[in-house]
Amino acid sequence: MSLKTYIIAIAGPSCAGKSETSKAVAKLLNARILSLDSYYLNLDHLDFEQRKQVNFDEPASIDHELLISHLRQSSEGKTIDAPVYDFCRYTRSPEIDHIVPA
């Protein structure tokens, strides 16, 4: 028997309750959360002051290629290593989030 993978996208403006809604849905469905925040571009090639000036609301600030690749892998039931974004440093952390599909 082959299991079918579903991807549920929850979107909305800042402070609309997306994170809490996602957590509640994930708990009910025994699902995993893949946050778009994890896919901001790695900016460690810029100095700190330049990184602070980046507009994170701009779609160009997202690593679309990696995000799409991870969504495809997840939809195929594969484990992914999602980046972890460090909002204090305005760039990716050296850590990864090992996400096993459920």
PDB file of N, CA and C in Angstrom:
ATOM      1  N   MET A   1       0.841  -1.190   0.000  1.00  0.00           N
ATOM      2  CA  MET A   1       0.000   0.000   0.000  1.00  0.00           C
ATOM      3  C   MET A   1       0.885   1.251   0.000  1.00  0.00           C
ATOM      4  N   SER A   2       0.617   2.146  -0.894  1.00  0.00           N
ATOM      5  CA  SER A   2       1.374   3.384  -1.010  1.00  0.00           C
ATOM      6  C   SER A   2       0.631   4.503  -0.287  1.00  0.00           C
ATOM      7  N   LEU A   3       1.354   5.242   0.549  1.00  0.00           N
ATOM      8  CA  LEU A   3       0.751   6.370   1.252  1.00  0.00           C
ATOM      9  C   LEU A   3       0.871   7.626   0.400  1.00  0.00           C
ATOM     10  N   LYS A   4      -0.160   8.431   0.426  1.00  0.00           N
ATOM     11  CA  LYS A   4      -0.169   9.680  -0.326  1.00  0.00           C
ATOM     12  C   LYS A   4       0.284  10.813   0.589  1.00  0.00           C
ATOM     13  N   THR A   5       1.118  11.693   0.066  1.00  0.00           N
ATOM     14  CA  THR A   5       1.613  12.835   0.827  1.00  0.00           C
ATOM     15  C   THR A   5       0.779  14.065   0.499  1.00  0.00           C
ATOM     16  N   TYR A   6       0.418  14.796   1.533  1.00  0.00           N
ATOM     17  CA  TYR A   6      -0.309  16.054   1.361  1.00  0.00           C
ATOM     18  C   TYR A   6       0.552  17.181   1.912  1.00  0.00           C
ATOM     19  N   ILE A   7       0.519  18.299   1.223  1.00  0.00           N
ATOM     20  CA  ILE A   7       1.186  19.501   1.709  1.00  0.00           C
ATOM     21  C   ILE A   7       0.106  20.549   1.930  1.00  0.00           C
ATOM     22  N   ILE A   8       0.053  21.065   3.144  1.00  0.00           N
ATOM     23  CA  ILE A   8      -0.916  22.096   3.500  1.00  0.00           C
ATOM     24  C   ILE A   8      -0.159  23.401   3.693  1.00  0.00           C
ATOM     25  N   ALA A   9      -0.535  24.426   2.970  1.00  0.00           N
ATOM     26  CA  ALA A   9       0.104  25.735   3.099  1.00  0.00           C
ATOM     27  C   ALA A   9      -0.804  26.644   3.924  1.00  0.00           C
ATOM     28  N   ILE A  10      -0.211  27.289   4.912  1.00  0.00           N
ATOM     29  CA  ILE A  10      -0.948  28.234   5.748  1.00  0.00           C
ATOM     30  C   ILE A  10      -0.265  29.585   5.580  1.00  0.00           C
ATOM     31  N   ALA A  11      -1.010  30.551   5.078  1.00  0.00           N
ATOM     32  CA  ALA A  11      -0.443  31.865   4.774  1.00  0.00           C
ATOM     33  C   ALA A  11      -1.277  32.959   5.407  1.00  0.00           C
ATOM     34  N   GLY A  12      -0.673  34.120   5.568  1.00  0.00           N
ATOM     35  CA  GLY A  12      -1.379  35.270   6.109  1.00  0.00           C
ATOM     36  C   GLY A  12      -0.398  36.345   6.515  1.00  0.00           C
ATOM     37  N   PRO A  13      -0.906  37.493   6.899  1.00  0.00           N
ATOM     38  CA  PRO A  13      -0.035  38.605   7.292  1.00  0.00           C
ATOM     39  C   PRO A  13       0.647  38.348   8.635  1.00  0.00           C
ATOM     40  N   SER A  14       1.608  39.180   8.938  1.00  0.00           N
ATOM     41  CA  SER A  14       2.337  39.092  10.197  1.00  0.00           C
ATOM     42  C   SER A  14       1.372  39.145  11.388  1.00  0.00           C
ATOM     43  N   CYS A  15       1.613  38.315  12.365  1.00  0.00           N
ATOM     44  CA  CYS A  15       0.822  38.247  13.612  1.00  0.00           C
ATOM     45  C   CYS A  15      -0.623  37.803  13.384  1.00  0.00           C
ATOM     46  N   ALA A  16      -0.873  37.051  12.325  1.00  0.00           N
ATOM     47  CA  ALA A  16      -2.232  36.585  12.037  1.00  0.00           C
ATOM     48  C   ALA A  16      -2.542  35.240  12.703  1.00  0.00           C
ATOM     49  N   GLY A  17      -1.517  34.611  13.298  1.00  0.00           N
ATOM     50  CA  GLY A  17      -1.726  33.339  13.960  1.00  0.00           C
ATOM     51  C   GLY A  17      -1.294  32.131  13.143  1.00  0.00           C
ATOM     52  N   LYS A  18      -0.480  32.344  12.110  1.00  0.00           N
ATOM     53  CA  LYS A  18      -0.035  31.239  11.251  1.00  0.00           C
ATOM     54  C   LYS A  18       0.734  30.178  12.026  1.00  0.00           C
ATOM     55  N   SER A  19       1.646  30.607  12.868  1.00  0.00           N
ATOM     56  CA  SER A  19       2.474  29.645  13.619  1.00  0.00           C
ATOM     57  C   SER A  19       1.629  28.810  14.565  1.00  0.00           C
ATOM     58  N   GLU A  20       0.743  29.444  15.300  1.00  0.00           N
ATOM     59  CA  GLU A  20      -0.104  28.703  16.240  1.00  0.00           C
ATOM     60  C   GLU A  20      -1.062  27.774  15.510  1.00  0.00           C
ATOM     61  N   THR A  21      -1.619  28.246  14.404  1.00  0.00           N
ATOM     62  CA  THR A  21      -2.517  27.404  13.602  1.00  0.00           C
ATOM     63  C   THR A  21      -1.745  26.210  13.049  1.00  0.00           C
ATOM     64  N   SER A  22      -0.538  26.457  12.543  1.00  0.00           N
ATOM     65  CA  SER A  22       0.290  25.381  11.997  1.00  0.00           C
ATOM     66  C   SER A  22       0.598  24.338  13.061  1.00  0.00           C
ATOM     67  N   LYS A  23       0.953  24.791  14.251  1.00  0.00           N
ATOM     68  CA  LYS A  23       1.260  23.857  15.340  1.00  0.00           C
ATOM     69  C   LYS A  23       0.048  23.009  15.706  1.00  0.00           C
ATOM     70  N   ALA A  24      -1.123  23.636  15.749  1.00  0.00           N
ATOM     71  CA  ALA A  24      -2.345  22.902  16.099  1.00  0.00           C
ATOM     72  C   ALA A  24      -2.692  21.866  15.026  1.00  0.00           C
ATOM     73  N   VAL A  25      -2.591  22.261  13.756  1.00  0.00           N
ATOM     74  CA  VAL A  25      -2.885  21.340  12.660  1.00  0.00           C
ATOM     75  C   VAL A  25      -1.868  20.198  12.643  1.00  0.00           C
ATOM     76  N   ALA A  26      -0.594  20.526  12.813  1.00  0.00           N
ATOM     77  CA  ALA A  26       0.459  19.505  12.811  1.00  0.00           C
ATOM     78  C   ALA A  26       0.249  18.500  13.938  1.00  0.00           C
ATOM     79  N   LYS A  27      -0.166  18.991  15.083  1.00  0.00           N
ATOM     80  CA  LYS A  27      -0.415  18.088  16.222  1.00  0.00           C
ATOM     81  C   LYS A  27      -1.585  17.151  15.917  1.00  0.00           C
ATOM     82  N   LEU A  28      -2.650  17.695  15.371  1.00  0.00           N
ATOM     83  CA  LEU A  28      -3.827  16.875  15.045  1.00  0.00           C
ATOM     84  C   LEU A  28      -3.529  15.812  13.985  1.00  0.00           C
ATOM     85  N   LEU A  29      -2.680  16.156  13.026  1.00  0.00           N
ATOM     86  CA  LEU A  29      -2.410  15.265  11.896  1.00  0.00           C
ATOM     87  C   LEU A  29      -1.090  14.502  12.017  1.00  0.00           C
ATOM     88  N   ASN A  30      -0.385  14.701  13.131  1.00  0.00           N
ATOM     89  CA  ASN A  30       0.959  14.131  13.277  1.00  0.00           C
ATOM     90  C   ASN A  30       1.812  14.513  12.064  1.00  0.00           C
ATOM     91  N   ALA A  31       1.787  15.780  11.729  1.00  0.00           N
ATOM     92  CA  ALA A  31       2.477  16.296  10.553  1.00  0.00           C
ATOM     93  C   ALA A  31       3.724  17.074  10.963  1.00  0.00           C
ATOM     94  N   ARG A  32       4.502  17.455   9.998  1.00  0.00           N
ATOM     95  CA  ARG A  32       5.704  18.255  10.203  1.00  0.00           C
ATOM     96  C   ARG A  32       5.472  19.664   9.672  1.00  0.00           C
ATOM     97  N   ILE A  33       6.192  20.607  10.266  1.00  0.00           N
ATOM     98  CA  ILE A  33       6.087  22.007   9.835  1.00  0.00           C
ATOM     99  C   ILE A  33       7.375  22.401   9.124  1.00  0.00           C
ATOM    100  N   LEU A  34       7.213  22.971   7.956  1.00  0.00           N
ATOM    101  CA  LEU A  34       8.328  23.512   7.193  1.00  0.00           C
ATOM    102  C   LEU A  34       8.057  25.010   7.069  1.00  0.00           C
ATOM    103  N   SER A  35       8.829  25.806   7.782  1.00  0.00           N
ATOM    104  CA  SER A  35       8.590  27.253   7.822  1.00  0.00           C
ATOM    105  C   SER A  35       9.287  27.972   6.679  1.00  0.00           C
ATOM    106  N   LEU A  36       8.581  28.882   6.046  1.00  0.00           N
ATOM    107  CA  LEU A  36       9.161  29.684   4.971  1.00  0.00           C
ATOM    108  C   LEU A  36      10.337  30.514   5.500  1.00  0.00           C
ATOM    109  N   ASP A  37      10.288  30.888   6.774  1.00  0.00           N
ATOM    110  CA  ASP A  37      11.391  31.655   7.369  1.00  0.00           C
ATOM    111  C   ASP A  37      12.725  30.926   7.248  1.00  0.00           C
ATOM    112  N   SER A  38      12.686  29.615   7.209  1.00  0.00           N
ATOM    113  CA  SER A  38      13.923  28.829   7.093  1.00  0.00           C
ATOM    114  C   SER A  38      14.611  29.029   5.753  1.00  0.00           C
ATOM    115  N   TYR A  39      13.890  29.532   4.780  1.00  0.00           N
ATOM    116  CA  TYR A  39      14.398  29.604   3.419  1.00  0.00           C
ATOM    117  C   TYR A  39      14.807  31.004   2.981  1.00  0.00           C
ATOM    118  N   TYR A  40      15.014  31.910   3.950  1.00  0.00           N
ATOM    119  CA  TYR A  40      15.627  33.180   3.575  1.00  0.00           C
ATOM    120  C   TYR A  40      17.030  32.883   3.068  1.00  0.00           C
ATOM    121  N   LEU A  41      17.482  33.663   2.119  1.00  0.00           N
ATOM    122  CA  LEU A  41      18.808  33.453   1.539  1.00  0.00           C
ATOM    123  C   LEU A  41      19.895  33.576   2.599  1.00  0.00           C
ATOM    124  N   ASN A  42      20.947  32.808   2.406  1.00  0.00           N
ATOM    125  CA  ASN A  42      22.107  32.911   3.277  1.00  0.00           C
ATOM    126  C   ASN A  42      22.820  34.219   2.953  1.00  0.00           C
ATOM    127  N   LEU A  43      22.960  35.082   3.921  1.00  0.00           N
ATOM    128  CA  LEU A  43      23.535  36.411   3.688  1.00  0.00           C
ATOM    129  C   LEU A  43      24.895  36.593   4.349  1.00  0.00           C
ATOM    130  N   ASP A  44      25.549  35.495   4.702  1.00  0.00           N
ATOM    131  CA  ASP A  44      26.806  35.628   5.434  1.00  0.00           C
ATOM    132  C   ASP A  44      27.935  36.233   4.600  1.00  0.00           C
ATOM    133  N   HIS A  45      27.703  36.405   3.290  1.00  0.00           N
ATOM    134  CA  HIS A  45      28.695  37.070   2.450  1.00  0.00           C
ATOM    135  C   HIS A  45      28.627  38.598   2.609  1.00  0.00           C
ATOM    136  N   LEU A  46      27.574  39.088   3.256  1.00  0.00           N
ATOM    137  CA  LEU A  46      27.421  40.529   3.508  1.00  0.00           C
ATOM    138  C   LEU A  46      27.843  40.835   4.938  1.00  0.00           C
ATOM    139  N   ASP A  47      28.305  42.071   5.173  1.00  0.00           N
ATOM    140  CA  ASP A  47      28.604  42.415   6.562  1.00  0.00           C
ATOM    141  C   ASP A  47      27.286  42.655   7.308  1.00  0.00           C
ATOM    142  N   PHE A  48      27.364  42.674   8.632  1.00  0.00           N
ATOM    143  CA  PHE A  48      26.170  42.729   9.473  1.00  0.00           C
ATOM    144  C   PHE A  48      25.274  43.921   9.146  1.00  0.00           C
ATOM    145  N   GLU A  49      25.842  45.088   8.948  1.00  0.00           N
ATOM    146  CA  GLU A  49      25.053  46.282   8.655  1.00  0.00           C
ATOM    147  C   GLU A  49      24.313  46.144   7.321  1.00  0.00           C
ATOM    148  N   GLN A  50      24.950  45.539   6.334  1.00  0.00           N
ATOM    149  CA  GLN A  50      24.283  45.305   5.049  1.00  0.00           C
ATOM    150  C   GLN A  50      23.137  44.304   5.213  1.00  0.00           C
ATOM    151  N   ARG A  51      23.355  43.256   6.006  1.00  0.00           N
ATOM    152  CA  ARG A  51      22.306  42.251   6.229  1.00  0.00           C
ATOM    153  C   ARG A  51      21.087  42.869   6.903  1.00  0.00           C
ATOM    154  N   LYS A  52      21.311  43.811   7.798  1.00  0.00           N
ATOM    155  CA  LYS A  52      20.193  44.457   8.499  1.00  0.00           C
ATOM    156  C   LYS A  52      19.306  45.259   7.553  1.00  0.00           C
ATOM    157  N   GLN A  53      19.839  45.657   6.409  1.00  0.00           N
ATOM    158  CA  GLN A  53      19.103  46.488   5.452  1.00  0.00           C
ATOM    159  C   GLN A  53      18.263  45.678   4.465  1.00  0.00           C
ATOM    160  N   VAL A  54      18.398  44.354   4.479  1.00  0.00           N
ATOM    161  CA  VAL A  54      17.679  43.510   3.525  1.00  0.00           C
ATOM    162  C   VAL A  54      16.185  43.535   3.820  1.00  0.00           C
ATOM    163  N   ASN A  55      15.384  43.666   2.783  1.00  0.00           N
ATOM    164  CA  ASN A  55      13.929  43.650   2.916  1.00  0.00           C
ATOM    165  C   ASN A  55      13.455  42.200   2.850  1.00  0.00           C
ATOM    166  N   PHE A  56      13.133  41.617   4.006  1.00  0.00           N
ATOM    167  CA  PHE A  56      12.734  40.223   4.065  1.00  0.00           C
ATOM    168  C   PHE A  56      11.292  40.008   3.602  1.00  0.00           C
ATOM    169  N   ASP A  57      10.571  41.085   3.313  1.00  0.00           N
ATOM    170  CA  ASP A  57       9.225  40.969   2.737  1.00  0.00           C
ATOM    171  C   ASP A  57       9.289  40.838   1.215  1.00  0.00           C
ATOM    172  N   GLU A  58      10.436  41.090   0.653  1.00  0.00           N
ATOM    173  CA  GLU A  58      10.641  40.998  -0.796  1.00  0.00           C
ATOM    174  C   GLU A  58      10.770  39.526  -1.193  1.00  0.00           C
ATOM    175  N   PRO A  59       9.976  39.066  -2.153  1.00  0.00           N
ATOM    176  CA  PRO A  59      10.074  37.656  -2.568  1.00  0.00           C
ATOM    177  C   PRO A  59      11.483  37.223  -2.979  1.00  0.00           C
ATOM    178  N   ALA A  60      12.299  38.148  -3.450  1.00  0.00           N
ATOM    179  CA  ALA A  60      13.665  37.815  -3.857  1.00  0.00           C
ATOM    180  C   ALA A  60      14.549  37.428  -2.671  1.00  0.00           C
ATOM    181  N   SER A  61      14.079  37.627  -1.444  1.00  0.00           N
ATOM    182  CA  SER A  61      14.870  37.264  -0.264  1.00  0.00           C
ATOM    183  C   SER A  61      14.749  35.781   0.080  1.00  0.00           C
ATOM    184  N   ILE A  62      13.912  35.050  -0.661  1.00  0.00           N
ATOM    185  CA  ILE A  62      13.684  33.622  -0.418  1.00  0.00           C
ATOM    186  C   ILE A  62      14.522  32.782  -1.385  1.00  0.00           C
ATOM    187  N   ASP A  63      15.103  31.722  -0.876  1.00  0.00           N
ATOM    188  CA  ASP A  63      15.840  30.760  -1.694  1.00  0.00           C
ATOM    189  C   ASP A  63      14.816  29.797  -2.307  1.00  0.00           C
ATOM    190  N   HIS A  64      14.164  30.244  -3.370  1.00  0.00           N
ATOM    191  CA  HIS A  64      13.081  29.480  -3.997  1.00  0.00           C
ATOM    192  C   HIS A  64      13.546  28.116  -4.495  1.00  0.00           C
ATOM    193  N   GLU A  65      14.733  28.072  -5.049  1.00  0.00           N
ATOM    194  CA  GLU A  65      15.248  26.811  -5.593  1.00  0.00           C
ATOM    195  C   GLU A  65      15.347  25.743  -4.504  1.00  0.00           C
ATOM    196  N   LEU A  66      15.913  26.095  -3.360  1.00  0.00           N
ATOM    197  CA  LEU A  66      16.043  25.136  -2.258  1.00  0.00           C
ATOM    198  C   LEU A  66      14.672  24.778  -1.684  1.00  0.00           C
ATOM    199  N   LEU A  67      13.809  25.768  -1.529  1.00  0.00           N
ATOM    200  CA  LEU A  67      12.464  25.521  -1.011  1.00  0.00           C
ATOM    201  C   LEU A  67      11.711  24.531  -1.906  1.00  0.00           C
ATOM    202  N   ILE A  68      11.713  24.762  -3.200  1.00  0.00           N
ATOM    203  CA  ILE A  68      11.006  23.877  -4.133  1.00  0.00           C
ATOM    204  C   ILE A  68      11.603  22.479  -4.092  1.00  0.00           C
ATOM    205  N   SER A  69      12.926  22.419  -4.045  1.00  0.00           N
ATOM    206  CA  SER A  69      13.591  21.114  -3.971  1.00  0.00           C
ATOM    207  C   SER A  69      13.154  20.363  -2.714  1.00  0.00           C
ATOM    208  N   HIS A  70      13.115  21.045  -1.584  1.00  0.00           N
ATOM    209  CA  HIS A  70      12.717  20.406  -0.326  1.00  0.00           C
ATOM    210  C   HIS A  70      11.240  20.013  -0.327  1.00  0.00           C
ATOM    211  N   LEU A  71      10.389  20.826  -0.928  1.00  0.00           N
ATOM    212  CA  LEU A  71       8.972  20.463  -1.024  1.00  0.00           C
ATOM    213  C   LEU A  71       8.791  19.214  -1.886  1.00  0.00           C
ATOM    214  N   ARG A  72       9.538  19.148  -2.971  1.00  0.00           N
ATOM    215  CA  ARG A  72       9.464  17.957  -3.836  1.00  0.00           C
ATOM    216  C   ARG A  72       9.929  16.716  -3.092  1.00  0.00           C
ATOM    217  N   GLN A  73      11.065  16.842  -2.409  1.00  0.00           N
ATOM    218  CA  GLN A  73      11.595  15.701  -1.667  1.00  0.00           C
ATOM    219  C   GLN A  73      10.613  15.253  -0.577  1.00  0.00           C
ATOM    220  N   SER A  74      10.066  16.221   0.120  1.00  0.00           N
ATOM    221  CA  SER A  74       9.103  15.907   1.179  1.00  0.00           C
ATOM    222  C   SER A  74       7.866  15.228   0.607  1.00  0.00           C
ATOM    223  N   SER A  75       7.394  15.705  -0.536  1.00  0.00           N
ATOM    224  CA  SER A  75       6.203  15.108  -1.153  1.00  0.00           C
ATOM    225  C   SER A  75       6.462  13.681  -1.613  1.00  0.00           C
ATOM    226  N   GLU A  76       7.736  13.343  -1.799  1.00  0.00           N
ATOM    227  CA  GLU A  76       8.124  11.979  -2.166  1.00  0.00           C
ATOM    228  C   GLU A  76       8.409  11.119  -0.936  1.00  0.00           C
ATOM    229  N   GLY A  77       8.167  11.682   0.246  1.00  0.00           N
ATOM    230  CA  GLY A  77       8.385  10.933   1.487  1.00  0.00           C
ATOM    231  C   GLY A  77       9.826  10.898   1.945  1.00  0.00           C
ATOM    232  N   LYS A  78      10.665  11.782   1.407  1.00  0.00           N
ATOM    233  CA  LYS A  78      12.087  11.811   1.767  1.00  0.00           C
ATOM    234  C   LYS A  78      12.335  12.778   2.917  1.00  0.00           C
ATOM    235  N   THR A  79      13.321  12.450   3.728  1.00  0.00           N
ATOM    236  CA  THR A  79      13.751  13.325   4.814  1.00  0.00           C
ATOM    237  C   THR A  79      14.534  14.495   4.219  1.00  0.00           C
ATOM    238  N   ILE A  80      14.355  15.687   4.780  1.00  0.00           N
ATOM    239  CA  ILE A  80      15.089  16.864   4.306  1.00  0.00           C
ATOM    240  C   ILE A  80      15.851  17.496   5.461  1.00  0.00           C
ATOM    241  N   ASP A  81      16.896  18.208   5.121  1.00  0.00           N
ATOM    242  CA  ASP A  81      17.670  18.985   6.083  1.00  0.00           C
ATOM    243  C   ASP A  81      17.424  20.455   5.788  1.00  0.00           C
ATOM    244  N   ALA A  82      16.447  21.010   6.482  1.00  0.00           N
ATOM    245  CA  ALA A  82      16.060  22.406   6.260  1.00  0.00           C
ATOM    246  C   ALA A  82      17.034  23.334   6.968  1.00  0.00           C
ATOM    247  N   PRO A  83      17.336  24.462   6.339  1.00  0.00           N
ATOM    248  CA  PRO A  83      18.187  25.436   7.009  1.00  0.00           C
ATOM    249  C   PRO A  83      17.465  26.041   8.216  1.00  0.00           C
ATOM    250  N   VAL A  84      18.243  26.561   9.145  1.00  0.00           N
ATOM    251  CA  VAL A  84      17.694  27.268  10.304  1.00  0.00           C
ATOM    252  C   VAL A  84      18.157  28.713  10.186  1.00  0.00           C
ATOM    253  N   TYR A  85      17.222  29.642  10.213  1.00  0.00           N
ATOM    254  CA  TYR A  85      17.581  31.048  10.054  1.00  0.00           C
ATOM    255  C   TYR A  85      17.821  31.689  11.407  1.00  0.00           C
ATOM    256  N   ASP A  86      18.907  32.447  11.518  1.00  0.00           N
ATOM    257  CA  ASP A  86      19.272  33.139  12.751  1.00  0.00           C
ATOM    258  C   ASP A  86      18.861  34.607  12.598  1.00  0.00           C
ATOM    259  N   PHE A  87      17.760  34.978  13.225  1.00  0.00           N
ATOM    260  CA  PHE A  87      17.234  36.333  13.070  1.00  0.00           C
ATOM    261  C   PHE A  87      18.041  37.376  13.842  1.00  0.00           C
ATOM    262  N   CYS A  88      18.897  36.940  14.749  1.00  0.00           N
ATOM    263  CA  CYS A  88      19.771  37.881  15.459  1.00  0.00           C
ATOM    264  C   CYS A  88      20.961  38.283  14.587  1.00  0.00           C
ATOM    265  N   ARG A  89      21.398  37.360  13.724  1.00  0.00           N
ATOM    266  CA  ARG A  89      22.546  37.611  12.845  1.00  0.00           C
ATOM    267  C   ARG A  89      22.123  37.950  11.419  1.00  0.00           C
ATOM    268  N   TYR A  90      20.824  37.842  11.115  1.00  0.00           N
ATOM    269  CA  TYR A  90      20.294  38.120   9.774  1.00  0.00           C
ATOM    270  C   TYR A  90      20.933  37.225   8.714  1.00  0.00           C
ATOM    271  N   THR A  91      21.098  35.973   9.028  1.00  0.00           N
ATOM    272  CA  THR A  91      21.625  35.004   8.072  1.00  0.00           C
ATOM    273  C   THR A  91      21.337  33.593   8.576  1.00  0.00           C
ATOM    274  N   ARG A  92      21.667  32.601   7.796  1.00  0.00           N
ATOM    275  CA  ARG A  92      21.428  31.220   8.211  1.00  0.00           C
ATOM    276  C   ARG A  92      22.386  30.808   9.324  1.00  0.00           C
ATOM    277  N   SER A  93      21.872  29.999  10.177  1.00  0.00           N
ATOM    278  CA  SER A  93      22.658  29.398  11.244  1.00  0.00           C
ATOM    279  C   SER A  93      23.425  28.214  10.663  1.00  0.00           C
ATOM    280  N   PRO A  94      24.496  27.785  11.297  1.00  0.00           N
ATOM    281  CA  PRO A  94      25.169  26.569  10.840  1.00  0.00           C
ATOM    282  C   PRO A  94      24.337  25.313  11.133  1.00  0.00           C
ATOM    283  N   GLU A  95      23.319  25.442  11.963  1.00  0.00           N
ATOM    284  CA  GLU A  95      22.444  24.306  12.311  1.00  0.00           C
ATOM    285  C   GLU A  95      21.537  23.956  11.142  1.00  0.00           C
ATOM    286  N   ILE A  96      21.003  22.737  11.182  1.00  0.00           N
ATOM    287  CA  ILE A  96      19.982  22.323  10.224  1.00  0.00           C
ATOM    288  C   ILE A  96      18.834  21.697  11.007  1.00  0.00           C
ATOM    289  N   ASP A  97      17.669  21.666  10.399  1.00  0.00           N
ATOM    290  CA  ASP A  97      16.496  21.041  10.991  1.00  0.00           C
ATOM    291  C   ASP A  97      16.214  19.774  10.184  1.00  0.00           C
ATOM    292  N   HIS A  98      16.520  18.633  10.765  1.00  0.00           N
ATOM    293  CA  HIS A  98      16.335  17.333  10.109  1.00  0.00           C
ATOM    294  C   HIS A  98      14.840  16.987  10.190  1.00  0.00           C
ATOM    295  N   ILE A  99      14.140  17.091   9.055  1.00  0.00           N
ATOM    296  CA  ILE A  99      12.689  16.909   9.034  1.00  0.00           C
ATOM    297  C   ILE A  99      12.349  15.581   8.355  1.00  0.00           C
ATOM    298  N   VAL A 100      11.842  14.671   9.190  1.00  0.00           N
ATOM    299  CA  VAL A 100      11.409  13.358   8.712  1.00  0.00           C
ATOM    300  C   VAL A 100       9.928  13.460   8.374  1.00  0.00           C
ATOM    301  N   PRO A 101       9.522  13.066   7.178  1.00  0.00           N
ATOM    302  CA  PRO A 101       8.110  13.190   6.804  1.00  0.00           C
ATOM    303  C   PRO A 101       7.206  12.325   7.679  1.00  0.00           C
ATOM    304  N   ALA A 102       5.995  12.777   7.837  1.00  0.00           N
ATOM    305  CA  ALA A 102       5.006  12.020   8.622  1.00  0.00           C
ATOM    306  C   ALA A 102       3.661  12.113   7.940  1.00  0.00           C
TER     307      ALA A 102
END
